[in-house]
């Protein structure tokens, strides 16, 4: 585990807070708030990172026609309601 992402998140946060404290313009303050918010994204990525981790893609997910993406776009017909137990 490395400390670098946490330091980067802290540095970005401090830059954003410094900009908020020293700004007199509302537009500048909103921009600094966005910078501060981006530091939370970096922090969340640092916390969630796993060495050797893979993306959570489930290859063994069921491909039943009732749950496919094509059937979910159509509204269910009344005849299919009666077929369910």
N, C-alpha and C. Protein backbone atom coordinates (compact mmCIF):
# COMPACT_ATOMS: atom_id res chain seq x y z
N UNK A 1 0.85 -1.18 0.00
CA UNK A 1 0.00 0.00 0.00
C UNK A 1 0.89 1.24 0.00
N UNK A 2 0.59 2.15 -0.89
CA UNK A 2 1.38 3.36 -1.01
C UNK A 2 0.61 4.56 -0.45
N UNK A 3 1.35 5.53 -0.02
CA UNK A 3 0.77 6.72 0.62
C UNK A 3 0.55 7.83 -0.40
N UNK A 4 1.12 7.69 -1.59
CA UNK A 4 1.08 8.76 -2.59
C UNK A 4 -0.34 9.21 -2.94
N UNK A 5 -1.31 8.32 -3.20
CA UNK A 5 -2.66 8.82 -3.54
C UNK A 5 -3.30 9.63 -2.41
N UNK A 6 -3.01 9.25 -1.17
CA UNK A 6 -3.56 9.99 -0.04
C UNK A 6 -2.93 11.38 0.06
N UNK A 7 -1.64 11.45 -0.22
CA UNK A 7 -0.97 12.75 -0.22
C UNK A 7 -1.48 13.65 -1.34
N UNK A 8 -1.71 13.05 -2.50
CA UNK A 8 -2.25 13.82 -3.63
C UNK A 8 -3.64 14.33 -3.30
N UNK A 9 -4.48 13.49 -2.71
CA UNK A 9 -5.83 13.92 -2.34
C UNK A 9 -5.77 15.04 -1.31
N UNK A 10 -4.88 14.92 -0.34
CA UNK A 10 -4.73 15.98 0.66
C UNK A 10 -4.23 17.28 0.05
N UNK A 11 -3.29 17.18 -0.88
CA UNK A 11 -2.75 18.36 -1.53
C UNK A 11 -3.82 19.07 -2.35
N UNK A 12 -4.60 18.31 -3.12
CA UNK A 12 -5.68 18.90 -3.92
C UNK A 12 -6.72 19.54 -3.00
N UNK A 13 -7.01 18.89 -1.88
CA UNK A 13 -7.97 19.44 -0.93
C UNK A 13 -7.46 20.77 -0.36
N UNK A 14 -6.19 20.82 0.02
CA UNK A 14 -5.64 22.05 0.58
C UNK A 14 -5.62 23.18 -0.45
N UNK A 15 -5.34 22.87 -1.70
CA UNK A 15 -5.37 23.89 -2.75
C UNK A 15 -6.78 24.44 -2.91
N UNK A 16 -7.78 23.55 -2.90
CA UNK A 16 -9.16 24.00 -3.03
C UNK A 16 -9.62 24.83 -1.85
N UNK A 17 -9.26 24.42 -0.64
CA UNK A 17 -9.65 25.18 0.55
C UNK A 17 -8.94 26.53 0.58
N UNK A 18 -7.68 26.56 0.20
CA UNK A 18 -6.96 27.83 0.14
C UNK A 18 -7.64 28.78 -0.86
N UNK A 19 -8.04 28.26 -1.98
CA UNK A 19 -8.74 29.08 -2.97
C UNK A 19 -10.08 29.58 -2.44
N UNK A 20 -10.79 28.73 -1.69
CA UNK A 20 -12.06 29.17 -1.10
C UNK A 20 -11.85 30.29 -0.09
N UNK A 21 -10.81 30.16 0.73
CA UNK A 21 -10.57 31.16 1.77
C UNK A 21 -10.15 32.50 1.18
N UNK A 22 -9.35 32.47 0.13
CA UNK A 22 -8.79 33.70 -0.42
C UNK A 22 -9.63 34.31 -1.54
N UNK A 23 -10.67 33.66 -1.99
CA UNK A 23 -11.43 34.19 -3.13
C UNK A 23 -12.48 35.19 -2.66
N UNK A 24 -12.69 36.20 -3.47
CA UNK A 24 -13.74 37.18 -3.21
C UNK A 24 -14.82 37.10 -4.27
N UNK A 25 -14.55 36.38 -5.33
CA UNK A 25 -15.50 36.25 -6.43
C UNK A 25 -16.26 34.94 -6.28
N UNK A 26 -17.56 34.97 -6.50
CA UNK A 26 -18.39 33.78 -6.35
C UNK A 26 -18.03 32.70 -7.37
N UNK A 27 -17.76 33.10 -8.59
CA UNK A 27 -17.40 32.14 -9.63
C UNK A 27 -16.10 31.44 -9.28
N UNK A 28 -15.14 32.18 -8.76
CA UNK A 28 -13.87 31.59 -8.35
C UNK A 28 -14.08 30.64 -7.18
N UNK A 29 -14.96 31.00 -6.25
CA UNK A 29 -15.24 30.14 -5.10
C UNK A 29 -15.89 28.83 -5.54
N UNK A 30 -16.78 28.91 -6.51
CA UNK A 30 -17.41 27.68 -7.02
C UNK A 30 -16.38 26.79 -7.70
N UNK A 31 -15.46 27.39 -8.44
CA UNK A 31 -14.39 26.62 -9.06
C UNK A 31 -13.50 25.95 -8.03
N UNK A 32 -13.17 26.69 -6.96
CA UNK A 32 -12.35 26.11 -5.90
C UNK A 32 -13.09 25.00 -5.16
N UNK A 33 -14.39 25.15 -5.03
CA UNK A 33 -15.19 24.09 -4.42
C UNK A 33 -15.18 22.82 -5.28
N UNK A 34 -15.18 23.00 -6.59
CA UNK A 34 -15.08 21.85 -7.50
C UNK A 34 -13.73 21.16 -7.37
N UNK A 35 -12.67 21.93 -7.18
CA UNK A 35 -11.34 21.35 -6.98
C UNK A 35 -11.32 20.56 -5.67
N UNK A 36 -11.91 21.13 -4.63
CA UNK A 36 -11.98 20.44 -3.35
C UNK A 36 -12.78 19.15 -3.47
N UNK A 37 -13.85 19.19 -4.23
CA UNK A 37 -14.67 18.00 -4.43
C UNK A 37 -13.90 16.92 -5.20
N UNK A 38 -13.07 17.34 -6.14
CA UNK A 38 -12.30 16.35 -6.89
C UNK A 38 -11.30 15.63 -6.00
N UNK A 39 -10.87 16.27 -4.93
CA UNK A 39 -9.96 15.58 -4.01
C UNK A 39 -10.66 14.43 -3.31
N UNK A 40 -11.95 14.56 -3.08
CA UNK A 40 -12.68 13.43 -2.48
C UNK A 40 -12.77 12.26 -3.44
N UNK A 41 -12.85 12.55 -4.74
CA UNK A 41 -12.86 11.46 -5.73
C UNK A 41 -11.53 10.72 -5.73
N UNK A 42 -10.45 11.46 -5.65
CA UNK A 42 -9.13 10.84 -5.60
C UNK A 42 -9.00 10.00 -4.33
N UNK A 43 -9.52 10.51 -3.22
CA UNK A 43 -9.46 9.76 -1.96
C UNK A 43 -10.28 8.47 -2.05
N UNK A 44 -11.47 8.54 -2.63
CA UNK A 44 -12.28 7.33 -2.78
C UNK A 44 -11.61 6.30 -3.69
N UNK A 45 -10.96 6.76 -4.75
CA UNK A 45 -10.22 5.84 -5.61
C UNK A 45 -9.05 5.22 -4.88
N UNK A 46 -8.39 5.98 -4.04
CA UNK A 46 -7.25 5.46 -3.29
C UNK A 46 -7.70 4.42 -2.28
N UNK A 47 -8.83 4.64 -1.64
CA UNK A 47 -9.33 3.70 -0.64
C UNK A 47 -9.80 2.40 -1.31
N UNK A 48 -10.42 2.53 -2.48
CA UNK A 48 -10.99 1.36 -3.14
C UNK A 48 -10.03 0.57 -4.00
N UNK A 49 -8.81 1.03 -4.19
CA UNK A 49 -7.86 0.34 -5.06
C UNK A 49 -7.34 -0.92 -4.39
N UNK A 50 -7.27 -1.99 -5.17
CA UNK A 50 -6.71 -3.26 -4.69
C UNK A 50 -5.63 -3.73 -5.65
N UNK A 51 -4.48 -4.12 -5.13
CA UNK A 51 -3.41 -4.67 -5.96
C UNK A 51 -3.85 -6.01 -6.53
N UNK A 52 -3.73 -6.16 -7.83
CA UNK A 52 -4.11 -7.41 -8.48
C UNK A 52 -5.60 -7.60 -8.60
N UNK A 53 -6.38 -6.57 -8.31
CA UNK A 53 -7.84 -6.68 -8.39
C UNK A 53 -8.32 -6.65 -9.83
N UNK A 54 -9.49 -7.20 -10.06
CA UNK A 54 -10.10 -7.18 -11.38
C UNK A 54 -11.44 -6.47 -11.30
N UNK A 55 -11.95 -6.11 -12.45
CA UNK A 55 -13.24 -5.44 -12.51
C UNK A 55 -14.35 -6.42 -12.13
N UNK A 56 -15.37 -5.96 -11.44
CA UNK A 56 -16.44 -6.87 -11.02
C UNK A 56 -17.42 -7.18 -12.15
N UNK A 57 -16.95 -7.94 -13.12
CA UNK A 57 -17.79 -8.35 -14.24
C UNK A 57 -18.20 -9.79 -13.99
N UNK A 58 -19.49 -10.03 -13.97
CA UNK A 58 -20.00 -11.36 -13.69
C UNK A 58 -20.31 -12.07 -15.00
N UNK A 59 -19.44 -12.99 -15.40
CA UNK A 59 -19.62 -13.72 -16.65
C UNK A 59 -20.66 -14.81 -16.51
N UNK A 60 -20.93 -15.26 -15.29
CA UNK A 60 -21.89 -16.34 -15.11
C UNK A 60 -23.28 -15.82 -14.75
N UNK A 61 -23.58 -14.58 -15.11
CA UNK A 61 -24.90 -14.02 -14.84
C UNK A 61 -25.95 -14.72 -15.71
N UNK A 62 -27.14 -14.93 -15.19
CA UNK A 62 -28.17 -15.62 -15.99
C UNK A 62 -28.58 -14.78 -17.18
N UNK A 63 -28.84 -15.45 -18.28
CA UNK A 63 -29.27 -14.77 -19.50
C UNK A 63 -30.71 -15.13 -19.83
N UNK A 64 -31.53 -15.27 -18.83
CA UNK A 64 -32.94 -15.59 -19.03
C UNK A 64 -33.60 -14.46 -19.81
N UNK A 65 -34.51 -14.80 -20.70
CA UNK A 65 -35.13 -13.79 -21.55
C UNK A 65 -35.96 -12.79 -20.75
N UNK A 66 -36.45 -13.18 -19.58
CA UNK A 66 -37.23 -12.24 -18.78
C UNK A 66 -36.37 -11.12 -18.23
N UNK A 67 -35.08 -11.37 -18.06
CA UNK A 67 -34.20 -10.38 -17.44
C UNK A 67 -33.24 -9.74 -18.44
N UNK A 68 -33.37 -10.02 -19.71
CA UNK A 68 -32.46 -9.43 -20.68
C UNK A 68 -32.81 -7.96 -20.89
N UNK A 69 -31.90 -7.22 -21.49
CA UNK A 69 -32.13 -5.79 -21.68
C UNK A 69 -33.19 -5.52 -22.72
N UNK A 70 -33.33 -6.39 -23.68
CA UNK A 70 -34.36 -6.17 -24.70
C UNK A 70 -35.76 -6.32 -24.12
N UNK A 71 -35.96 -7.31 -23.27
CA UNK A 71 -37.30 -7.50 -22.74
C UNK A 71 -37.66 -6.46 -21.69
N UNK A 72 -36.66 -5.84 -21.06
CA UNK A 72 -36.96 -4.84 -20.05
C UNK A 72 -37.39 -3.52 -20.68
N UNK A 73 -37.11 -3.34 -21.97
CA UNK A 73 -37.52 -2.10 -22.64
C UNK A 73 -39.00 -2.13 -22.99
N UNK A 74 -39.55 -3.31 -23.16
CA UNK A 74 -40.97 -3.43 -23.48
C UNK A 74 -41.78 -3.46 -22.20
N UNK A 75 -42.95 -2.91 -22.28
CA UNK A 75 -43.83 -3.00 -21.12
C UNK A 75 -44.45 -4.40 -21.10
N UNK A 76 -44.64 -4.96 -19.92
CA UNK A 76 -45.19 -6.31 -19.85
C UNK A 76 -46.65 -6.33 -20.28
N UNK A 77 -46.99 -7.37 -21.00
CA UNK A 77 -48.38 -7.51 -21.44
C UNK A 77 -49.20 -8.21 -20.37
N UNK A 78 -50.50 -7.98 -20.34
CA UNK A 78 -51.35 -8.62 -19.31
C UNK A 78 -51.33 -10.15 -19.40
N UNK A 79 -51.06 -10.70 -20.58
CA UNK A 79 -51.03 -12.15 -20.69
C UNK A 79 -49.80 -12.72 -19.97
N UNK A 80 -48.70 -11.98 -19.96
CA UNK A 80 -47.52 -12.48 -19.26
C UNK A 80 -47.69 -12.40 -17.76
N UNK A 81 -48.59 -11.53 -17.29
CA UNK A 81 -48.83 -11.45 -15.84
C UNK A 81 -49.54 -12.70 -15.34
N UNK A 82 -50.45 -13.23 -16.14
CA UNK A 82 -51.19 -14.41 -15.70
C UNK A 82 -50.34 -15.67 -15.74
N UNK A 83 -49.26 -15.66 -16.51
CA UNK A 83 -48.42 -16.83 -16.63
C UNK A 83 -47.51 -16.98 -15.42
N UNK A 84 -47.35 -15.94 -14.65
CA UNK A 84 -46.48 -16.01 -13.47
C UNK A 84 -47.21 -16.67 -12.31
N UNK A 85 -46.49 -17.44 -11.50
CA UNK A 85 -47.14 -18.11 -10.38
C UNK A 85 -47.54 -17.16 -9.27
